[in-house]
């Protein structure tokens, strides 16, 4: 399951608010209603990104922290050396000034 942009904003807000956050603080700070913020948090709980810290407070789960850290760095891939192609003479080259007739 991926994280939607609005869910990612909720994860960032929980991180920015400290160890725990409640819906009544998350929603208004993001410009969401508390009802919509609650729906997003429930979705994040179901996905394992957020955990309950209390009856009305939430904290980031390890999976949510990993999402905020970003993707793991991928080692740089070495490019293959370019193949050297031998020069091949072109055959059937027309001389300048000679045009084919249109049919």
N, C-alpha and C. Protein backbone atom coordinates (compact mmCIF):
# COMPACT_ATOMS: atom_id res chain seq x y z
N UNK A 1 0.84 -1.17 0.00
CA UNK A 1 0.00 0.00 0.00
C UNK A 1 0.88 1.23 0.00
N UNK A 2 0.58 2.18 -0.85
CA UNK A 2 1.32 3.43 -0.89
C UNK A 2 0.66 4.47 -0.01
N UNK A 3 1.33 5.57 0.14
CA UNK A 3 0.81 6.66 0.97
C UNK A 3 0.41 7.81 0.05
N UNK A 4 -0.83 8.27 0.19
CA UNK A 4 -1.31 9.39 -0.60
C UNK A 4 -0.66 10.68 -0.11
N UNK A 5 -0.71 11.70 -0.94
CA UNK A 5 -0.07 12.98 -0.59
C UNK A 5 -0.65 13.55 0.70
N UNK A 6 -1.98 13.51 0.85
CA UNK A 6 -2.60 14.06 2.06
C UNK A 6 -2.20 13.24 3.29
N UNK A 7 -2.06 11.92 3.12
CA UNK A 7 -1.62 11.08 4.24
C UNK A 7 -0.17 11.39 4.60
N UNK A 8 0.63 11.66 3.60
CA UNK A 8 2.03 12.03 3.84
C UNK A 8 2.10 13.34 4.63
N UNK A 9 1.22 14.28 4.30
CA UNK A 9 1.18 15.54 5.04
C UNK A 9 0.81 15.30 6.51
N UNK A 10 -0.10 14.36 6.75
CA UNK A 10 -0.47 14.03 8.13
C UNK A 10 0.73 13.42 8.86
N UNK A 11 1.45 12.51 8.21
CA UNK A 11 2.64 11.92 8.83
C UNK A 11 3.65 13.01 9.19
N UNK A 12 3.87 13.94 8.26
CA UNK A 12 4.82 15.02 8.52
C UNK A 12 4.37 15.89 9.69
N UNK A 13 3.05 16.14 9.78
CA UNK A 13 2.54 16.97 10.87
C UNK A 13 2.70 16.27 12.22
N UNK A 14 2.46 14.95 12.25
CA UNK A 14 2.65 14.21 13.51
C UNK A 14 4.11 14.30 13.93
N UNK A 15 5.01 14.16 12.97
CA UNK A 15 6.44 14.28 13.28
C UNK A 15 6.77 15.67 13.79
N UNK A 16 6.23 16.70 13.13
CA UNK A 16 6.54 18.09 13.50
C UNK A 16 5.94 18.49 14.85
N UNK A 17 4.81 17.90 15.22
CA UNK A 17 4.17 18.23 16.49
C UNK A 17 4.86 17.57 17.68
N UNK A 18 5.71 16.63 17.45
CA UNK A 18 6.41 15.97 18.54
C UNK A 18 6.11 14.49 18.55
N UNK A 19 6.29 13.88 19.71
CA UNK A 19 6.12 12.44 19.81
C UNK A 19 4.69 12.00 19.60
N UNK A 20 3.74 12.77 20.12
CA UNK A 20 2.33 12.41 19.96
C UNK A 20 1.55 13.63 19.47
N UNK A 21 0.44 13.36 18.78
CA UNK A 21 -0.41 14.43 18.27
C UNK A 21 -1.86 13.97 18.31
N UNK A 22 -2.76 14.93 18.38
CA UNK A 22 -4.18 14.58 18.37
C UNK A 22 -4.84 15.17 17.13
N UNK A 23 -5.96 14.60 16.73
CA UNK A 23 -6.65 15.00 15.51
C UNK A 23 -7.04 16.47 15.55
N UNK A 24 -7.42 16.97 16.71
CA UNK A 24 -7.86 18.36 16.80
C UNK A 24 -6.73 19.35 16.51
N UNK A 25 -5.48 18.92 16.60
CA UNK A 25 -4.35 19.78 16.24
C UNK A 25 -3.91 19.54 14.80
N UNK A 26 -3.96 18.30 14.36
CA UNK A 26 -3.48 17.94 13.02
C UNK A 26 -4.35 18.56 11.93
N UNK A 27 -5.66 18.35 12.03
CA UNK A 27 -6.58 18.81 10.99
C UNK A 27 -6.49 20.29 10.69
N UNK A 28 -6.72 21.16 11.67
CA UNK A 28 -6.69 22.60 11.40
C UNK A 28 -5.34 23.11 10.90
N UNK A 29 -4.25 22.54 11.40
CA UNK A 29 -2.93 23.00 10.95
C UNK A 29 -2.69 22.69 9.48
N UNK A 30 -3.33 21.63 8.98
CA UNK A 30 -3.18 21.26 7.57
C UNK A 30 -4.29 21.84 6.70
N UNK A 31 -5.26 22.49 7.32
CA UNK A 31 -6.38 23.03 6.55
C UNK A 31 -7.45 21.99 6.28
N UNK A 32 -7.44 20.89 7.02
CA UNK A 32 -8.43 19.83 6.90
C UNK A 32 -9.44 19.96 8.03
N UNK A 33 -10.62 19.40 7.82
CA UNK A 33 -11.55 19.29 8.94
C UNK A 33 -11.04 18.19 9.86
N UNK A 34 -11.45 18.21 11.10
CA UNK A 34 -11.01 17.15 12.02
C UNK A 34 -11.57 15.80 11.58
N UNK A 35 -12.75 15.81 10.95
CA UNK A 35 -13.32 14.56 10.45
C UNK A 35 -12.48 13.94 9.35
N UNK A 36 -12.01 14.78 8.41
CA UNK A 36 -11.16 14.28 7.33
C UNK A 36 -9.81 13.82 7.88
N UNK A 37 -9.26 14.57 8.80
CA UNK A 37 -7.98 14.17 9.42
C UNK A 37 -8.14 12.84 10.14
N UNK A 38 -9.28 12.64 10.78
CA UNK A 38 -9.55 11.38 11.47
C UNK A 38 -9.62 10.21 10.47
N UNK A 39 -10.24 10.44 9.33
CA UNK A 39 -10.31 9.40 8.28
C UNK A 39 -8.91 9.05 7.79
N UNK A 40 -8.09 10.08 7.56
CA UNK A 40 -6.72 9.84 7.09
C UNK A 40 -5.91 9.07 8.14
N UNK A 41 -6.04 9.44 9.39
CA UNK A 41 -5.30 8.77 10.45
C UNK A 41 -5.73 7.31 10.58
N UNK A 42 -7.04 7.06 10.48
CA UNK A 42 -7.51 5.67 10.54
C UNK A 42 -6.95 4.85 9.39
N UNK A 43 -6.84 5.46 8.21
CA UNK A 43 -6.24 4.78 7.06
C UNK A 43 -4.76 4.49 7.33
N UNK A 44 -4.07 5.45 7.93
CA UNK A 44 -2.65 5.27 8.25
C UNK A 44 -2.45 4.22 9.34
N UNK A 45 -3.38 4.14 10.28
CA UNK A 45 -3.30 3.10 11.32
C UNK A 45 -3.47 1.74 10.68
N UNK A 46 -4.44 1.63 9.78
CA UNK A 46 -4.70 0.36 9.10
C UNK A 46 -3.48 -0.08 8.28
N UNK A 47 -2.78 0.88 7.69
CA UNK A 47 -1.58 0.57 6.91
C UNK A 47 -0.34 0.33 7.74
N UNK A 48 -0.42 0.62 9.04
CA UNK A 48 0.73 0.40 9.91
C UNK A 48 1.69 1.57 9.99
N UNK A 49 1.27 2.76 9.51
CA UNK A 49 2.14 3.93 9.51
C UNK A 49 2.02 4.75 10.80
N UNK A 50 0.87 4.66 11.45
CA UNK A 50 0.61 5.42 12.67
C UNK A 50 0.08 4.44 13.72
N UNK A 51 0.40 4.71 14.97
CA UNK A 51 -0.11 3.88 16.08
C UNK A 51 -0.76 4.79 17.11
N UNK A 52 -1.69 4.24 17.85
CA UNK A 52 -2.33 5.00 18.92
C UNK A 52 -1.37 5.15 20.09
N UNK A 53 -1.29 6.38 20.62
CA UNK A 53 -0.46 6.62 21.80
C UNK A 53 -1.33 6.72 23.04
N UNK A 54 -2.58 7.00 22.83
CA UNK A 54 -3.55 7.13 23.91
C UNK A 54 -4.94 7.04 23.30
N UNK A 55 -5.93 7.44 24.07
CA UNK A 55 -7.29 7.34 23.56
C UNK A 55 -7.53 8.25 22.36
N UNK A 56 -6.98 9.46 22.39
CA UNK A 56 -7.19 10.41 21.30
C UNK A 56 -5.88 10.91 20.70
N UNK A 57 -4.77 10.29 21.05
CA UNK A 57 -3.47 10.74 20.53
C UNK A 57 -2.83 9.65 19.69
N UNK A 58 -1.97 10.09 18.79
CA UNK A 58 -1.34 9.17 17.83
C UNK A 58 0.15 9.47 17.75
N UNK A 59 0.89 8.45 17.35
CA UNK A 59 2.33 8.60 17.17
C UNK A 59 2.73 7.88 15.89
N UNK A 60 3.90 8.20 15.39
CA UNK A 60 4.40 7.53 14.19
C UNK A 60 4.83 6.11 14.54
N UNK A 61 4.46 5.16 13.71
CA UNK A 61 4.94 3.79 13.84
C UNK A 61 6.27 3.71 13.08
N UNK A 62 7.05 2.67 13.30
CA UNK A 62 8.32 2.55 12.57
C UNK A 62 8.16 2.63 11.05
N UNK A 63 7.08 2.06 10.54
CA UNK A 63 6.84 2.10 9.09
C UNK A 63 6.62 3.55 8.63
N UNK A 64 5.92 4.35 9.43
CA UNK A 64 5.70 5.76 9.11
C UNK A 64 6.99 6.56 9.14
N UNK A 65 7.86 6.24 10.09
CA UNK A 65 9.16 6.92 10.16
C UNK A 65 10.00 6.62 8.93
N UNK A 66 9.95 5.37 8.46
CA UNK A 66 10.70 4.99 7.26
C UNK A 66 10.20 5.75 6.03
N UNK A 67 8.89 5.94 5.95
CA UNK A 67 8.34 6.68 4.81
C UNK A 67 8.86 8.12 4.82
N UNK A 68 8.92 8.73 5.98
CA UNK A 68 9.39 10.11 6.07
C UNK A 68 10.88 10.24 5.82
N UNK A 69 11.63 9.18 6.10
CA UNK A 69 13.07 9.21 5.84
C UNK A 69 13.36 9.19 4.35
N UNK A 70 12.44 8.68 3.57
CA UNK A 70 12.61 8.62 2.12
C UNK A 70 13.13 7.27 1.69
N UNK A 71 13.27 7.10 0.38
CA UNK A 71 13.72 5.81 -0.13
C UNK A 71 15.19 5.59 0.22
N UNK A 72 15.58 4.33 0.39
CA UNK A 72 16.99 4.06 0.66
C UNK A 72 17.83 4.44 -0.55
N UNK A 73 19.04 4.83 -0.27
CA UNK A 73 19.90 5.23 -1.37
C UNK A 73 20.26 4.03 -2.22
N UNK A 74 20.19 4.23 -3.52
CA UNK A 74 20.51 3.17 -4.46
C UNK A 74 21.94 3.40 -4.93
N UNK A 75 22.76 2.34 -4.90
CA UNK A 75 24.13 2.54 -5.36
C UNK A 75 24.16 2.94 -6.82
N UNK A 76 25.14 3.75 -7.15
CA UNK A 76 25.26 4.23 -8.53
C UNK A 76 25.60 3.06 -9.45
N UNK A 77 24.91 3.02 -10.56
CA UNK A 77 25.12 1.96 -11.53
C UNK A 77 26.20 2.41 -12.50
N UNK A 78 27.18 1.55 -12.68
CA UNK A 78 28.25 1.88 -13.60
C UNK A 78 27.76 1.70 -15.03
N UNK A 79 28.13 2.64 -15.88
CA UNK A 79 27.73 2.56 -17.27
C UNK A 79 28.66 1.61 -18.02
N UNK A 80 28.05 0.92 -18.96
CA UNK A 80 28.89 0.06 -19.80
C UNK A 80 29.70 0.92 -20.75
N UNK A 81 30.90 0.47 -21.09
CA UNK A 81 31.67 1.25 -22.06
C UNK A 81 30.96 1.19 -23.42
N UNK A 82 31.06 2.29 -24.13
CA UNK A 82 30.41 2.33 -25.44
C UNK A 82 31.11 1.38 -26.40
N UNK A 83 30.28 0.75 -27.23
CA UNK A 83 30.85 -0.14 -28.26
C UNK A 83 31.46 0.71 -29.36
N UNK A 84 32.60 0.29 -29.78
CA UNK A 84 33.26 1.00 -30.87
C UNK A 84 32.82 0.33 -32.16
N UNK A 85 32.19 1.11 -33.03
CA UNK A 85 31.71 0.56 -34.29
C UNK A 85 32.71 0.93 -35.39
N UNK A 86 33.08 -0.03 -36.18
CA UNK A 86 34.00 0.29 -37.28
C UNK A 86 33.28 1.14 -38.33
N UNK A 87 34.03 1.99 -38.99
CA UNK A 87 33.47 2.81 -40.05
C UNK A 87 33.12 1.91 -41.23
N UNK A 88 31.89 2.01 -41.66
CA UNK A 88 31.43 1.22 -42.80
C UNK A 88 31.16 2.19 -43.93
N UNK A 89 31.76 1.94 -45.08
CA UNK A 89 31.52 2.87 -46.20
C UNK A 89 30.06 2.79 -46.65
N UNK A 90 29.51 3.93 -47.00
CA UNK A 90 28.14 3.98 -47.44
C UNK A 90 28.09 3.60 -48.92
N UNK A 91 27.12 2.78 -49.25
CA UNK A 91 26.97 2.31 -50.63
C UNK A 91 25.78 3.02 -51.27
N UNK A 92 25.91 3.35 -52.54
CA UNK A 92 24.81 3.94 -53.27
C UNK A 92 24.59 5.41 -52.97
N UNK A 93 25.65 6.08 -52.68
CA UNK A 93 25.54 7.49 -52.37
C UNK A 93 25.32 8.27 -53.67
N UNK A 94 24.30 9.12 -53.65
CA UNK A 94 24.02 9.91 -54.85
C UNK A 94 24.93 11.12 -54.90
N UNK A 95 25.27 11.50 -56.09
CA UNK A 95 26.10 12.69 -56.22
C UNK A 95 25.22 13.92 -56.13
N UNK A 96 25.80 15.03 -55.80
CA UNK A 96 25.05 16.26 -55.64
C UNK A 96 24.49 16.71 -56.98
N UNK A 97 23.34 17.31 -56.93
CA UNK A 97 22.74 17.88 -58.12
C UNK A 97 21.83 16.93 -58.88
N UNK A 98 21.91 15.65 -58.59
CA UNK A 98 21.09 14.68 -59.32
C UNK A 98 19.87 14.38 -58.45
N UNK A 99 18.70 14.60 -59.02
CA UNK A 99 17.48 14.34 -58.27
C UNK A 99 16.68 13.23 -58.95
N UNK A 100 15.96 12.52 -58.14
CA UNK A 100 15.09 11.50 -58.68
C UNK A 100 13.82 12.16 -59.18
N UNK A 101 13.22 11.53 -60.17
CA UNK A 101 11.97 12.03 -60.68
C UNK A 101 10.84 11.56 -59.77
N UNK A 102 9.88 12.44 -59.55
CA UNK A 102 8.73 12.08 -58.76
C UNK A 102 7.76 11.31 -59.61
N UNK A 103 7.14 10.33 -59.06
CA UNK A 103 6.18 9.53 -59.83
C UNK A 103 4.79 9.94 -59.54
